[in-house]
Amino acid sequence: MSDAYQSIKKGLEDALAYANGAAIGARVHQIEAPEPNVAAIRASAGLSQADFARSIGVAVGTLRGWEQGRRKPDGPARVLLALIEKRPNIVQEALTTLR
């Protein structure tokens, strides 16, 4: 087997051991994104619910649920919302460079 294969296999074995509660000596970084005020973030971007939902790739119903407090954005969505809060045009900037 190649060195790359062995390295990947070892990494997966370590990840499984960690997930099962074993102390494997690895560094674990946990980052907590703050609870976002989704309505305020959307307002700072100057977008309607439909446009904002489309720009971040979620259903309008999901966005409404976040804004009304019926649902909470999960990890990746929270990070994206934190980025948009700091730089409201970041999604448009990123998508424009991909075209």
PDB file of N, CA and C in Angstrom:
ATOM      1  N   MET A   1       0.837  -1.180   0.000  1.00  0.00           N
ATOM      2  CA  MET A   1       0.000   0.000   0.000  1.00  0.00           C
ATOM      3  C   MET A   1       0.885   1.248   0.000  1.00  0.00           C
ATOM      4  N   SER A   2       0.374   2.313  -0.598  1.00  0.00           N
ATOM      5  CA  SER A   2       1.146   3.556  -0.682  1.00  0.00           C
ATOM      6  C   SER A   2       1.174   4.274   0.667  1.00  0.00           C
ATOM      7  N   ASP A   3       2.144   5.177   0.801  1.00  0.00           N
ATOM      8  CA  ASP A   3       2.237   5.985   2.020  1.00  0.00           C
ATOM      9  C   ASP A   3       0.991   6.845   2.203  1.00  0.00           C
ATOM     10  N   ALA A   4       0.472   7.376   1.091  1.00  0.00           N
ATOM     11  CA  ALA A   4      -0.728   8.211   1.171  1.00  0.00           C
ATOM     12  C   ALA A   4      -1.904   7.398   1.701  1.00  0.00           C
ATOM     13  N   TYR A   5      -2.051   6.178   1.183  1.00  0.00           N
ATOM     14  CA  TYR A   5      -3.138   5.315   1.640  1.00  0.00           C
ATOM     15  C   TYR A   5      -3.014   5.042   3.136  1.00  0.00           C
ATOM     16  N   GLN A   6      -1.808   4.686   3.579  1.00  0.00           N
ATOM     17  CA  GLN A   6      -1.582   4.377   4.994  1.00  0.00           C
ATOM     18  C   GLN A   6      -1.877   5.592   5.879  1.00  0.00           C
ATOM     19  N   SER A   7      -1.479   6.768   5.407  1.00  0.00           N
ATOM     20  CA  SER A   7      -1.721   7.993   6.166  1.00  0.00           C
ATOM     21  C   SER A   7      -3.215   8.276   6.296  1.00  0.00           C
ATOM     22  N   ILE A   8      -3.928   8.121   5.190  1.00  0.00           N
ATOM     23  CA  ILE A   8      -5.381   8.343   5.204  1.00  0.00           C
ATOM     24  C   ILE A   8      -6.061   7.312   6.101  1.00  0.00           C
ATOM     25  N   LYS A   9      -5.645   6.053   5.973  1.00  0.00           N
ATOM     26  CA  LYS A   9      -6.224   4.982   6.791  1.00  0.00           C
ATOM     27  C   LYS A   9      -6.002   5.264   8.276  1.00  0.00           C
ATOM     28  N   LYS A  10      -4.790   5.654   8.638  1.00  0.00           N
ATOM     29  CA  LYS A  10      -4.470   5.963  10.038  1.00  0.00           C
ATOM     30  C   LYS A  10      -5.322   7.132  10.533  1.00  0.00           C
ATOM     31  N   GLY A  11      -5.470   8.161   9.698  1.00  0.00           N
ATOM     32  CA  GLY A  11      -6.288   9.307  10.076  1.00  0.00           C
ATOM     33  C   GLY A  11      -7.735   8.927  10.319  1.00  0.00           C
ATOM     34  N   LEU A  12      -8.273   8.071   9.456  1.00  0.00           N
ATOM     35  CA  LEU A  12      -9.661   7.624   9.628  1.00  0.00           C
ATOM     36  C   LEU A  12      -9.818   6.760  10.876  1.00  0.00           C
ATOM     37  N   GLU A  13      -8.838   5.895  11.120  1.00  0.00           N
ATOM     38  CA  GLU A  13      -8.892   5.073  12.333  1.00  0.00           C
ATOM     39  C   GLU A  13      -8.851   5.949  13.582  1.00  0.00           C
ATOM     40  N   ASP A  14      -7.987   6.963  13.569  1.00  0.00           N
ATOM     41  CA  ASP A  14      -7.909   7.892  14.702  1.00  0.00           C
ATOM     42  C   ASP A  14      -9.220   8.650  14.884  1.00  0.00           C
ATOM     43  N   ALA A  15      -9.808   9.090  13.772  1.00  0.00           N
ATOM     44  CA  ALA A  15     -11.070   9.833  13.846  1.00  0.00           C
ATOM     45  C   ALA A  15     -12.174   8.962  14.437  1.00  0.00           C
ATOM     46  N   LEU A  16     -12.238   7.706  14.002  1.00  0.00           N
ATOM     47  CA  LEU A  16     -13.245   6.792  14.545  1.00  0.00           C
ATOM     48  C   LEU A  16     -13.005   6.528  16.029  1.00  0.00           C
ATOM     49  N   ALA A  17     -11.752   6.341  16.399  1.00  0.00           N
ATOM     50  CA  ALA A  17     -11.436   6.113  17.812  1.00  0.00           C
ATOM     51  C   ALA A  17     -11.844   7.321  18.652  1.00  0.00           C
ATOM     52  N   TYR A  18     -11.547   8.518  18.160  1.00  0.00           N
ATOM     53  CA  TYR A  18     -11.920   9.737  18.884  1.00  0.00           C
ATOM     54  C   TYR A  18     -13.440   9.838  19.008  1.00  0.00           C
ATOM     55  N   ALA A  19     -14.150   9.549  17.903  1.00  0.00           N
ATOM     56  CA  ALA A  19     -15.613   9.619  17.917  1.00  0.00           C
ATOM     57  C   ALA A  19     -16.206   8.631  18.917  1.00  0.00           C
ATOM     58  N   ASN A  20     -15.492   7.529  19.147  1.00  0.00           N
ATOM     59  CA  ASN A  20     -15.960   6.518  20.098  1.00  0.00           C
ATOM     60  C   ASN A  20     -15.476   6.773  21.521  1.00  0.00           C
ATOM     61  N   GLY A  21     -14.826   7.926  21.739  1.00  0.00           N
ATOM     62  CA  GLY A  21     -14.451   8.325  23.088  1.00  0.00           C
ATOM     63  C   GLY A  21     -13.030   8.013  23.510  1.00  0.00           C
ATOM     64  N   ALA A  22     -12.224   7.470  22.610  1.00  0.00           N
ATOM     65  CA  ALA A  22     -10.842   7.143  22.965  1.00  0.00           C
ATOM     66  C   ALA A  22      -9.989   8.409  23.012  1.00  0.00           C
ATOM     67  N   ALA A  23      -9.062   8.447  23.951  1.00  0.00           N
ATOM     68  CA  ALA A  23      -8.100   9.552  24.025  1.00  0.00           C
ATOM     69  C   ALA A  23      -6.943   9.198  23.098  1.00  0.00           C
ATOM     70  N   ILE A  24      -6.826   9.899  21.987  1.00  0.00           N
ATOM     71  CA  ILE A  24      -5.813   9.537  20.990  1.00  0.00           C
ATOM     72  C   ILE A  24      -4.680  10.546  20.912  1.00  0.00           C
ATOM     73  N   GLY A  25      -4.717  11.571  21.740  1.00  0.00           N
ATOM     74  CA  GLY A  25      -3.641  12.556  21.751  1.00  0.00           C
ATOM     75  C   GLY A  25      -3.698  13.571  20.629  1.00  0.00           C
ATOM     76  N   ALA A  26      -4.802  13.638  19.951  1.00  0.00           N
ATOM     77  CA  ALA A  26      -4.936  14.601  18.852  1.00  0.00           C
ATOM     78  C   ALA A  26      -5.446  15.934  19.385  1.00  0.00           C
ATOM     79  N   ARG A  27      -5.094  16.993  18.686  1.00  0.00           N
ATOM     80  CA  ARG A  27      -5.650  18.306  19.019  1.00  0.00           C
ATOM     81  C   ARG A  27      -7.025  18.426  18.391  1.00  0.00           C
ATOM     82  N   VAL A  28      -7.952  18.884  19.179  1.00  0.00           N
ATOM     83  CA  VAL A  28      -9.313  19.075  18.686  1.00  0.00           C
ATOM     84  C   VAL A  28      -9.658  20.544  18.844  1.00  0.00           C
ATOM     85  N   HIS A  29     -10.051  21.165  17.748  1.00  0.00           N
ATOM     86  CA  HIS A  29     -10.413  22.579  17.760  1.00  0.00           C
ATOM     87  C   HIS A  29     -11.921  22.688  17.604  1.00  0.00           C
ATOM     88  N   GLN A  30     -12.558  23.285  18.571  1.00  0.00           N
ATOM     89  CA  GLN A  30     -13.997  23.512  18.488  1.00  0.00           C
ATOM     90  C   GLN A  30     -14.236  25.010  18.485  1.00  0.00           C
ATOM     91  N   ILE A  31     -14.899  25.462  17.449  1.00  0.00           N
ATOM     92  CA  ILE A  31     -15.174  26.880  17.300  1.00  0.00           C
ATOM     93  C   ILE A  31     -16.680  27.074  17.349  1.00  0.00           C
ATOM     94  N   GLU A  32     -17.115  27.928  18.215  1.00  0.00           N
ATOM     95  CA  GLU A  32     -18.536  28.224  18.342  1.00  0.00           C
ATOM     96  C   GLU A  32     -18.839  29.551  17.655  1.00  0.00           C
ATOM     97  N   ALA A  33     -19.643  29.487  16.626  1.00  0.00           N
ATOM     98  CA  ALA A  33     -20.095  30.717  15.973  1.00  0.00           C
ATOM     99  C   ALA A  33     -21.207  31.310  16.835  1.00  0.00           C
ATOM    100  N   PRO A  34     -21.246  32.619  16.978  1.00  0.00           N
ATOM    101  CA  PRO A  34     -22.277  33.238  17.817  1.00  0.00           C
ATOM    102  C   PRO A  34     -23.670  33.031  17.233  1.00  0.00           C
ATOM    103  N   GLU A  35     -24.663  33.117  18.101  1.00  0.00           N
ATOM    104  CA  GLU A  35     -26.063  33.021  17.652  1.00  0.00           C
ATOM    105  C   GLU A  35     -26.361  34.232  16.770  1.00  0.00           C
ATOM    106  N   PRO A  36     -26.666  34.017  15.500  1.00  0.00           N
ATOM    107  CA  PRO A  36     -26.850  35.160  14.603  1.00  0.00           C
ATOM    108  C   PRO A  36     -28.239  35.786  14.703  1.00  0.00           C
ATOM    109  N   ASN A  37     -28.297  37.096  14.479  1.00  0.00           N
ATOM    110  CA  ASN A  37     -29.567  37.797  14.328  1.00  0.00           C
ATOM    111  C   ASN A  37     -29.806  37.847  12.820  1.00  0.00           C
ATOM    112  N   VAL A  38     -30.459  36.822  12.312  1.00  0.00           N
ATOM    113  CA  VAL A  38     -30.574  36.623  10.871  1.00  0.00           C
ATOM    114  C   VAL A  38     -31.286  37.784  10.190  1.00  0.00           C
ATOM    115  N   ALA A  39     -32.358  38.293  10.780  1.00  0.00           N
ATOM    116  CA  ALA A  39     -33.092  39.406  10.164  1.00  0.00           C
ATOM    117  C   ALA A  39     -32.204  40.638  10.039  1.00  0.00           C
ATOM    118  N   ALA A  40     -31.414  40.924  11.075  1.00  0.00           N
ATOM    119  CA  ALA A  40     -30.522  42.093  11.028  1.00  0.00           C
ATOM    120  C   ALA A  40     -29.417  41.903   9.997  1.00  0.00           C
ATOM    121  N   ILE A  41     -28.903  40.680   9.892  1.00  0.00           N
ATOM    122  CA  ILE A  41     -27.848  40.397   8.911  1.00  0.00           C
ATOM    123  C   ILE A  41     -28.396  40.574   7.501  1.00  0.00           C
ATOM    124  N   ARG A  42     -29.605  40.041   7.273  1.00  0.00           N
ATOM    125  CA  ARG A  42     -30.219  40.188   5.946  1.00  0.00           C
ATOM    126  C   ARG A  42     -30.472  41.658   5.638  1.00  0.00           C
ATOM    127  N   ALA A  43     -30.961  42.409   6.622  1.00  0.00           N
ATOM    128  CA  ALA A  43     -31.236  43.836   6.419  1.00  0.00           C
ATOM    129  C   ALA A  43     -29.955  44.595   6.083  1.00  0.00           C
ATOM    130  N   SER A  44     -28.846  44.225   6.739  1.00  0.00           N
ATOM    131  CA  SER A  44     -27.577  44.913   6.453  1.00  0.00           C
ATOM    132  C   SER A  44     -27.093  44.626   5.039  1.00  0.00           C
ATOM    133  N   ALA A  45     -27.507  43.486   4.502  1.00  0.00           N
ATOM    134  CA  ALA A  45     -27.154  43.152   3.120  1.00  0.00           C
ATOM    135  C   ALA A  45     -28.088  43.838   2.131  1.00  0.00           C
ATOM    136  N   GLY A  46     -29.201  44.395   2.629  1.00  0.00           N
ATOM    137  CA  GLY A  46     -30.140  45.113   1.776  1.00  0.00           C
ATOM    138  C   GLY A  46     -30.915  44.221   0.822  1.00  0.00           C
ATOM    139  N   LEU A  47     -31.191  42.986   1.247  1.00  0.00           N
ATOM    140  CA  LEU A  47     -31.874  42.037   0.365  1.00  0.00           C
ATOM    141  C   LEU A  47     -33.216  41.612   0.946  1.00  0.00           C
ATOM    142  N   SER A  48     -34.141  41.277   0.053  1.00  0.00           N
ATOM    143  CA  SER A  48     -35.418  40.708   0.476  1.00  0.00           C
ATOM    144  C   SER A  48     -35.161  39.293   0.997  1.00  0.00           C
ATOM    145  N   GLN A  49     -36.160  38.722   1.646  1.00  0.00           N
ATOM    146  CA  GLN A  49     -36.002  37.350   2.122  1.00  0.00           C
ATOM    147  C   GLN A  49     -35.708  36.404   0.962  1.00  0.00           C
ATOM    148  N   ALA A  50     -36.441  36.558  -0.129  1.00  0.00           N
ATOM    149  CA  ALA A  50     -36.249  35.665  -1.272  1.00  0.00           C
ATOM    150  C   ALA A  50     -34.847  35.800  -1.855  1.00  0.00           C
ATOM    151  N   ASP A  51     -34.382  37.028  -2.035  1.00  0.00           N
ATOM    152  CA  ASP A  51     -33.050  37.242  -2.608  1.00  0.00           C
ATOM    153  C   ASP A  51     -31.946  36.765  -1.667  1.00  0.00           C
ATOM    154  N   PHE A  52     -32.099  37.028  -0.376  1.00  0.00           N
ATOM    155  CA  PHE A  52     -31.081  36.604   0.585  1.00  0.00           C
ATOM    156  C   PHE A  52     -31.029  35.082   0.657  1.00  0.00           C
ATOM    157  N   ALA A  53     -32.194  34.450   0.734  1.00  0.00           N
ATOM    158  CA  ALA A  53     -32.237  32.985   0.786  1.00  0.00           C
ATOM    159  C   ALA A  53     -31.569  32.388  -0.447  1.00  0.00           C
ATOM    160  N   ARG A  54     -31.879  32.932  -1.608  1.00  0.00           N
ATOM    161  CA  ARG A  54     -31.282  32.441  -2.855  1.00  0.00           C
ATOM    162  C   ARG A  54     -29.764  32.619  -2.833  1.00  0.00           C
ATOM    163  N   SER A  55     -29.303  33.759  -2.331  1.00  0.00           N
ATOM    164  CA  SER A  55     -27.866  34.045  -2.362  1.00  0.00           C
ATOM    165  C   SER A  55     -27.064  33.129  -1.442  1.00  0.00           C
ATOM    166  N   ILE A  56     -27.680  32.634  -0.359  1.00  0.00           N
ATOM    167  CA  ILE A  56     -26.944  31.741   0.540  1.00  0.00           C
ATOM    168  C   ILE A  56     -27.338  30.277   0.363  1.00  0.00           C
ATOM    169  N   GLY A  57     -28.227  30.002  -0.586  1.00  0.00           N
ATOM    170  CA  GLY A  57     -28.557  28.624  -0.931  1.00  0.00           C
ATOM    171  C   GLY A  57     -29.476  27.902   0.037  1.00  0.00           C
ATOM    172  N   VAL A  58     -30.424  28.636   0.623  1.00  0.00           N
ATOM    173  CA  VAL A  58     -31.410  27.989   1.495  1.00  0.00           C
ATOM    174  C   VAL A  58     -32.812  28.330   1.005  1.00  0.00           C
ATOM    175  N   ALA A  59     -33.775  27.540   1.422  1.00  0.00           N
ATOM    176  CA  ALA A  59     -35.169  27.803   1.072  1.00  0.00           C
ATOM    177  C   ALA A  59     -35.670  29.027   1.836  1.00  0.00           C
ATOM    178  N   VAL A  60     -36.590  29.759   1.226  1.00  0.00           N
ATOM    179  CA  VAL A  60     -37.162  30.939   1.881  1.00  0.00           C
ATOM    180  C   VAL A  60     -37.819  30.542   3.202  1.00  0.00           C
ATOM    181  N   GLY A  61     -38.469  29.399   3.235  1.00  0.00           N
ATOM    182  CA  GLY A  61     -39.099  28.930   4.470  1.00  0.00           C
ATOM    183  C   GLY A  61     -38.088  28.705   5.588  1.00  0.00           C
ATOM    184  N   THR A  62     -36.923  28.212   5.218  1.00  0.00           N
ATOM    185  CA  THR A  62     -35.854  28.023   6.205  1.00  0.00           C
ATOM    186  C   THR A  62     -35.416  29.367   6.760  1.00  0.00           C
ATOM    187  N   LEU A  63     -35.206  30.332   5.862  1.00  0.00           N
ATOM    188  CA  LEU A  63     -34.796  31.674   6.287  1.00  0.00           C
ATOM    189  C   LEU A  63     -35.849  32.294   7.199  1.00  0.00           C
ATOM    190  N   ARG A  64     -37.108  32.163   6.834  1.00  0.00           N
ATOM    191  CA  ARG A  64     -38.186  32.714   7.674  1.00  0.00           C
ATOM    192  C   ARG A  64     -38.183  32.057   9.054  1.00  0.00           C
ATOM    193  N   GLY A  65     -37.980  30.756   9.087  1.00  0.00           N
ATOM    194  CA  GLY A  65     -37.911  30.052  10.367  1.00  0.00           C
ATOM    195  C   GLY A  65     -36.786  30.579  11.242  1.00  0.00           C
ATOM    196  N   TRP A  66     -35.628  30.852  10.629  1.00  0.00           N
ATOM    197  CA  TRP A  66     -34.502  31.426  11.378  1.00  0.00           C
ATOM    198  C   TRP A  66     -34.868  32.799  11.918  1.00  0.00           C
ATOM    199  N   GLU A  67     -35.448  33.627  11.048  1.00  0.00           N
ATOM    200  CA  GLU A  67     -35.765  35.001  11.448  1.00  0.00           C
ATOM    201  C   GLU A  67     -36.829  35.040  12.540  1.00  0.00           C
ATOM    202  N   GLN A  68     -37.745  34.098  12.521  1.00  0.00           N
ATOM    203  CA  GLN A  68     -38.829  34.078  13.503  1.00  0.00           C
ATOM    204  C   GLN A  68     -38.478  33.262  14.747  1.00  0.00           C
ATOM    205  N   GLY A  69     -37.290  32.691  14.782  1.00  0.00           N
ATOM    206  CA  GLY A  69     -36.846  31.936  15.944  1.00  0.00           C
ATOM    207  C   GLY A  69     -37.422  30.541  16.076  1.00  0.00           C
ATOM    208  N   ARG A  70     -38.116  30.060  15.043  1.00  0.00           N
ATOM    209  CA  ARG A  70     -38.668  28.709  15.086  1.00  0.00           C
ATOM    210  C   ARG A  70     -37.602  27.657  14.816  1.00  0.00           C
ATOM    211  N   ARG A  71     -36.556  28.060  14.109  1.00  0.00           N
ATOM    212  CA  ARG A  71     -35.439  27.174  13.792  1.00  0.00           C
ATOM    213  C   ARG A  71     -34.151  27.937  14.028  1.00  0.00           C
ATOM    214  N   LYS A  72     -33.055  27.202  14.128  1.00  0.00           N
ATOM    215  CA  LYS A  72     -31.744  27.833  14.297  1.00  0.00           C
ATOM    216  C   LYS A  72     -30.820  27.326  13.199  1.00  0.00           C
ATOM    217  N   PRO A  73     -30.034  28.223  12.621  1.00  0.00           N
ATOM    218  CA  PRO A  73     -29.073  27.771  11.614  1.00  0.00           C
ATOM    219  C   PRO A  73     -28.031  26.852  12.259  1.00  0.00           C
ATOM    220  N   ASP A  74     -27.604  25.820  11.504  1.00  0.00           N
ATOM    221  CA  ASP A  74     -26.596  24.912  12.035  1.00  0.00           C
ATOM    222  C   ASP A  74     -25.188  25.413  11.712  1.00  0.00           C
ATOM    223  N   GLY A  75     -24.194  24.616  12.004  1.00  0.00           N
ATOM    224  CA  GLY A  75     -22.792  25.008  11.906  1.00  0.00           C
ATOM    225  C   GLY A  75     -22.371  25.783  10.673  1.00  0.00           C
ATOM    226  N   PRO A  76     -22.418  25.170   9.478  1.00  0.00           N
ATOM    227  CA  PRO A  76     -21.960  25.887   8.288  1.00  0.00           C
ATOM    228  C   PRO A  76     -22.770  27.151   7.999  1.00  0.00           C
ATOM    229  N   ALA A  77     -24.073  27.090   8.226  1.00  0.00           N
ATOM    230  CA  ALA A  77     -24.913  28.270   7.991  1.00  0.00           C
ATOM    231  C   ALA A  77     -24.573  29.376   8.984  1.00  0.00           C
ATOM    232  N   ARG A  78     -24.287  29.001  10.224  1.00  0.00           N
ATOM    233  CA  ARG A  78     -23.916  30.007  11.234  1.00  0.00           C
ATOM    234  C   ARG A  78     -22.610  30.695  10.864  1.00  0.00           C
ATOM    235  N   VAL A  79     -21.662  29.922  10.367  1.00  0.00           N
ATOM    236  CA  VAL A  79     -20.379  30.505   9.956  1.00  0.00           C
ATOM    237  C   VAL A  79     -20.598  31.453   8.784  1.00  0.00           C
ATOM    238  N   LEU A  80     -21.390  31.020   7.792  1.00  0.00           N
ATOM    239  CA  LEU A  80     -21.670  31.878   6.640  1.00  0.00           C
ATOM    240  C   LEU A  80     -22.365  33.162   7.085  1.00  0.00           C
ATOM    241  N   LEU A  81     -23.329  33.057   7.982  1.00  0.00           N
ATOM    242  CA  LEU A  81     -24.025  34.247   8.472  1.00  0.00           C
ATOM    243  C   LEU A  81     -23.079  35.170   9.234  1.00  0.00           C
ATOM    244  N   ALA A  82     -22.146  34.599   9.986  1.00  0.00           N
ATOM    245  CA  ALA A  82     -21.158  35.425  10.695  1.00  0.00           C
ATOM    246  C   ALA A  82     -20.274  36.180   9.704  1.00  0.00           C
ATOM    247  N   LEU A  83     -19.903  35.517   8.605  1.00  0.00           N
ATOM    248  CA  LEU A  83     -19.114  36.191   7.567  1.00  0.00           C
ATOM    249  C   LEU A  83     -19.903  37.329   6.932  1.00  0.00           C
ATOM    250  N   ILE A  84     -21.170  37.056   6.619  1.00  0.00           N
ATOM    251  CA  ILE A  84     -22.012  38.080   5.994  1.00  0.00           C
ATOM    252  C   ILE A  84     -22.222  39.249   6.951  1.00  0.00           C
ATOM    253  N   GLU A  85     -22.319  38.960   8.246  1.00  0.00           N
ATOM    254  CA  GLU A  85     -22.486  40.035   9.228  1.00  0.00           C
ATOM    255  C   GLU A  85     -21.279  40.976   9.201  1.00  0.00           C
ATOM    256  N   LYS A  86     -20.086  40.416   9.033  1.00  0.00           N
ATOM    257  CA  LYS A  86     -18.863  41.238   8.988  1.00  0.00           C
ATOM    258  C   LYS A  86     -18.695  41.937   7.641  1.00  0.00           C
ATOM    259  N   ARG A  87     -19.050  41.225   6.570  1.00  0.00           N
ATOM    260  CA  ARG A  87     -18.910  41.775   5.214  1.00  0.00           C
ATOM    261  C   ARG A  87     -20.174  41.445   4.425  1.00  0.00           C
ATOM    262  N   PRO A  88     -21.190  42.313   4.479  1.00  0.00           N
ATOM    263  CA  PRO A  88     -22.486  42.019   3.872  1.00  0.00           C
ATOM    264  C   PRO A  88     -22.447  41.644   2.388  1.00  0.00           C
ATOM    265  N   ASN A  89     -21.439  42.066   1.655  1.00  0.00           N
ATOM    266  CA  ASN A  89     -21.385  41.756   0.222  1.00  0.00           C
ATOM    267  C   ASN A  89     -20.503  40.561  -0.100  1.00  0.00           C
ATOM    268  N   ILE A  90     -20.071  39.811   0.902  1.00  0.00           N
ATOM    269  CA  ILE A  90     -19.106  38.742   0.665  1.00  0.00           C
ATOM    270  C   ILE A  90     -19.642  37.653  -0.267  1.00  0.00           C
ATOM    271  N   VAL A  91     -20.915  37.313  -0.167  1.00  0.00           N
ATOM    272  CA  VAL A  91     -21.470  36.269  -1.029  1.00  0.00           C
ATOM    273  C   VAL A  91     -21.479  36.738  -2.476  1.00  0.00           C
ATOM    274  N   GLN A  92     -21.940  37.973  -2.714  1.00  0.00           N
ATOM    275  CA  GLN A  92     -21.953  38.493  -4.077  1.00  0.00           C
ATOM    276  C   GLN A  92     -20.533  38.590  -4.632  1.00  0.00           C
ATOM    277  N   GLU A  93     -19.576  39.025  -3.798  1.00  0.00           N
ATOM    278  CA  GLU A  93     -18.182  39.108  -4.239  1.00  0.00           C
ATOM    279  C   GLU A  93     -17.664  37.736  -4.652  1.00  0.00           C
ATOM    280  N   ALA A  94     -17.934  36.740  -3.839  1.00  0.00           N
ATOM    281  CA  ALA A  94     -17.456  35.391  -4.123  1.00  0.00           C
ATOM    282  C   ALA A  94     -18.094  34.827  -5.382  1.00  0.00           C
ATOM    283  N   LEU A  95     -19.400  35.015  -5.529  1.00  0.00           N
ATOM    284  CA  LEU A  95     -20.085  34.465  -6.697  1.00  0.00           C
ATOM    285  C   LEU A  95     -19.694  35.196  -7.973  1.00  0.00           C
ATOM    286  N   THR A  96     -19.423  36.486  -7.874  1.00  0.00           N
ATOM    287  CA  THR A  96     -19.015  37.258  -9.050  1.00  0.00           C
ATOM    288  C   THR A  96     -17.679  36.762  -9.574  1.00  0.00           C
ATOM    289  N   THR A  97     -16.758  36.417  -8.688  1.00  0.00           N
ATOM    290  CA  THR A  97     -15.444  35.947  -9.134  1.00  0.00           C
ATOM    291  C   THR A  97     -15.514  34.560  -9.748  1.00  0.00           C
ATOM    292  N   LEU A  98     -16.580  33.802  -9.477  1.00  0.00           N
ATOM    293  CA  LEU A  98     -16.719  32.462 -10.046  1.00  0.00           C
ATOM    294  C   LEU A  98     -17.275  32.475 -11.460  1.00  0.00           C
ATOM    295  N   ARG A  99     -17.839  33.567 -11.854  1.00  0.00           N
ATOM    296  CA  ARG A  99     -18.471  33.620 -13.184  1.00  0.00           C
ATOM    297  C   ARG A  99     -17.472  33.781 -14.281  1.00  0.00           C
TER     298      ARG A  99
END
